C-alpha atoms as a PDB file:
ATOM      1  CA  MET A   1      -5.467  42.116  22.586  1.00  0.00           C
ATOM      2  CA  ALA A   2      -8.643  42.619  20.575  1.00  0.00           C
ATOM      3  CA  ASN A   3      -9.623  46.250  20.179  1.00  0.00           C
ATOM      4  CA  THR A   4     -13.210  46.034  18.954  1.00  0.00           C
ATOM      5  CA  ALA A   5     -16.222  44.399  20.536  1.00  0.00           C
ATOM      6  CA  GLN A   6     -16.480  42.071  17.557  1.00  0.00           C
ATOM      7  CA  ALA A   7     -12.841  41.002  17.905  1.00  0.00           C
ATOM      8  CA  ARG A   8     -13.265  40.424  21.655  1.00  0.00           C
ATOM      9  CA  LYS A   9     -16.292  38.235  20.990  1.00  0.00           C
ATOM     10  CA  ARG A  10     -14.447  36.246  18.306  1.00  0.00           C
ATOM     11  CA  ALA A  11     -11.564  35.728  20.748  1.00  0.00           C
ATOM     12  CA  ARG A  12     -14.010  34.369  23.355  1.00  0.00           C
ATOM     13  CA  GLN A  13     -15.633  32.094  20.794  1.00  0.00           C
ATOM     14  CA  ALA A  14     -12.291  30.849  19.517  1.00  0.00           C
ATOM     15  CA  GLU A  15     -11.186  29.967  23.042  1.00  0.00           C
ATOM     16  CA  ALA A  16     -14.419  28.082  23.754  1.00  0.00           C
ATOM     17  CA  THR A  17     -14.071  26.179  20.465  1.00  0.00           C
ATOM     18  CA  ARG A  18     -10.424  25.359  21.198  1.00  0.00           C
ATOM     19  CA  LYS A  19     -11.351  23.886  24.591  1.00  0.00           C
ATOM     20  CA  ARG A  20     -14.191  21.846  23.090  1.00  0.00           C
ATOM     21  CA  ASN A  21     -11.983  20.510  20.304  1.00  0.00           C
ATOM     22  CA  ALA A  22      -9.196  19.643  22.757  1.00  0.00           C
ATOM     23  CA  SER A  23     -11.667  17.735  24.914  1.00  0.00           C
ATOM     24  CA  LEU A  24     -12.959  15.752  21.931  1.00  0.00           C
ATOM     25  CA  LYS A  25      -9.436  14.931  20.716  1.00  0.00           C
ATOM     26  CA  SER A  26      -8.616  13.708  24.210  1.00  0.00           C
ATOM     27  CA  GLU A  27     -11.741  11.522  24.139  1.00  0.00           C
ATOM     28  CA  LEU A  28     -10.575  10.039  20.840  1.00  0.00           C
ATOM     29  CA  ARG A  29      -7.087   9.267  22.172  1.00  0.00           C
ATOM     30  CA  THR A  30      -8.601   7.673  25.282  1.00  0.00           C
ATOM     31  CA  ALA A  31     -10.863   5.451  23.154  1.00  0.00           C
ATOM     32  CA  VAL A  32      -7.875   4.274  21.092  1.00  0.00           C
ATOM     33  CA  LYS A  33      -5.815   3.608  24.234  1.00  0.00           C
ATOM     34  CA  LYS A  34      -8.613   1.448  25.677  1.00  0.00           C
ATOM     35  CA  VAL A  35      -8.572  -0.767  22.583  1.00  0.00           C
ATOM     36  CA  ARG A  36      -4.774  -0.994  22.613  1.00  0.00           C
ATOM     37  CA  LYS A  37      -4.847  -1.926  26.300  1.00  0.00           C
ATOM     38  CA  SER A  38      -7.304  -4.761  25.571  1.00  0.00           C
ATOM     39  CA  ILE A  39      -5.083  -5.953  22.720  1.00  0.00           C
ATOM     40  CA  ALA A  40      -2.009  -5.884  24.966  1.00  0.00           C
ATOM     41  CA  ALA A  41      -3.884  -7.901  27.590  1.00  0.00           C
ATOM     42  CA  GLY A  42      -4.428 -10.592  24.954  1.00  0.00           C
ATOM     43  CA  ASP A  43      -8.210 -10.767  25.347  1.00  0.00           C
ATOM     44  CA  LYS A  44      -9.574 -10.884  21.797  1.00  0.00           C
ATOM     45  CA  ALA A  45     -13.251 -10.804  22.814  1.00  0.00           C
ATOM     46  CA  ALA A  46     -12.775  -7.779  25.044  1.00  0.00           C
ATOM     47  CA  ALA A  47     -10.688  -6.044  22.384  1.00  0.00           C
ATOM     48  CA  THR A  48     -13.405  -6.614  19.779  1.00  0.00           C
ATOM     49  CA  THR A  49     -16.072  -5.222  22.084  1.00  0.00           C
ATOM     50  CA  GLN A  50     -13.898  -2.250  22.960  1.00  0.00           C
ATOM     51  CA  LEU A  51     -13.187  -1.585  19.268  1.00  0.00           C
ATOM     52  CA  ARG A  52     -16.891  -1.513  18.477  1.00  0.00           C
ATOM     53  CA  GLU A  53     -17.465   1.096  21.200  1.00  0.00           C
ATOM     54  CA  SER A  54     -14.431   3.113  20.140  1.00  0.00           C
ATOM     55  CA  GLN A  55     -15.454   3.161  16.474  1.00  0.00           C
ATOM     56  CA  ALA A  56     -18.578   5.104  17.412  1.00  0.00           C
ATOM     57  CA  VAL A  57     -16.465   7.691  19.247  1.00  0.00           C
ATOM     58  CA  ILE A  58     -13.939   7.942  16.403  1.00  0.00           C
ATOM     59  CA  ASP A  59     -16.659   8.365  13.765  1.00  0.00           C
ATOM     60  CA  ARG A  60     -18.517  10.973  15.811  1.00  0.00           C
ATOM     61  CA  ILE A  61     -15.386  13.076  16.228  1.00  0.00           C
ATOM     62  CA  ALA A  62     -14.506  12.741  12.536  1.00  0.00           C
ATOM     63  CA  ASP A  63     -18.046  13.791  11.555  1.00  0.00           C
ATOM     64  CA  LYS A  64     -17.547  16.995  13.545  1.00  0.00           C
ATOM     65  CA  LYS A  65     -14.316  17.548  11.590  1.00  0.00           C
ATOM     66  CA  ILE A  66     -12.210  17.662  14.749  1.00  0.00           C
ATOM     67  CA  VAL A  67      -9.913  15.176  13.011  1.00  0.00           C
ATOM     68  CA  HIS A  68      -9.783  14.330   9.320  1.00  0.00           C
ATOM     69  CA  ARG A  69     -11.967  11.441   8.172  1.00  0.00           C
ATOM     70  CA  ASN A  70      -8.915   9.682   6.714  1.00  0.00           C
ATOM     71  CA  LEU A  71      -7.197   9.755  10.114  1.00  0.00           C
ATOM     72  CA  ALA A  72     -10.304   8.230  11.674  1.00  0.00           C
ATOM     73  CA  SER A  73     -10.504   5.540   9.006  1.00  0.00           C
ATOM     74  CA  ARG A  74      -6.794   4.748   9.275  1.00  0.00           C
ATOM     75  CA  THR A  75      -7.005   4.487  13.061  1.00  0.00           C
ATOM     76  CA  LYS A  76      -9.985   2.112  12.949  1.00  0.00           C
ATOM     77  CA  SER A  77      -8.300   0.023  10.272  1.00  0.00           C
ATOM     78  CA  ARG A  78      -5.071  -0.338  12.233  1.00  0.00           C
ATOM     79  CA  LEU A  79      -6.902  -1.298  15.409  1.00  0.00           C
ATOM     80  CA  ALA A  80      -9.022  -3.870  13.555  1.00  0.00           C
ATOM     81  CA  GLN A  81      -5.895  -5.292  11.917  1.00  0.00           C
ATOM     82  CA  ALA A  82      -4.185  -5.580  15.301  1.00  0.00           C
ATOM     83  CA  ILE A  83      -7.166  -7.533  16.638  1.00  0.00           C
ATOM     84  CA  ARG A  84      -7.285  -9.811  13.576  1.00  0.00           C
ATOM     85  CA  THR A  85      -3.639 -10.750  14.027  1.00  0.00           C
ATOM     86  CA  MET A  86      -4.138 -11.670  17.673  1.00  0.00           C
ATOM     87  CA  PRO A  87      -3.694 -15.371  18.437  1.00  0.00           C
END
């Protein structure tokens, strides 16, 4: 356990940051799952709309450096590719 007031405060701040980051990562995973669900349903129009909404979420989380920008870019690219290959 932290012994100084400064260390106790840093521990509190670290815990708050961890919870915030976990929440944002969960939001990102949920956004990706929504797109994948639309793709699995076979509805290209809905999947495209869902991708557009999810891209905003993915970019926002990458801008906050919760996930690396390359991960965000790769995720968007793979989702877009999956939609392009839909019949």
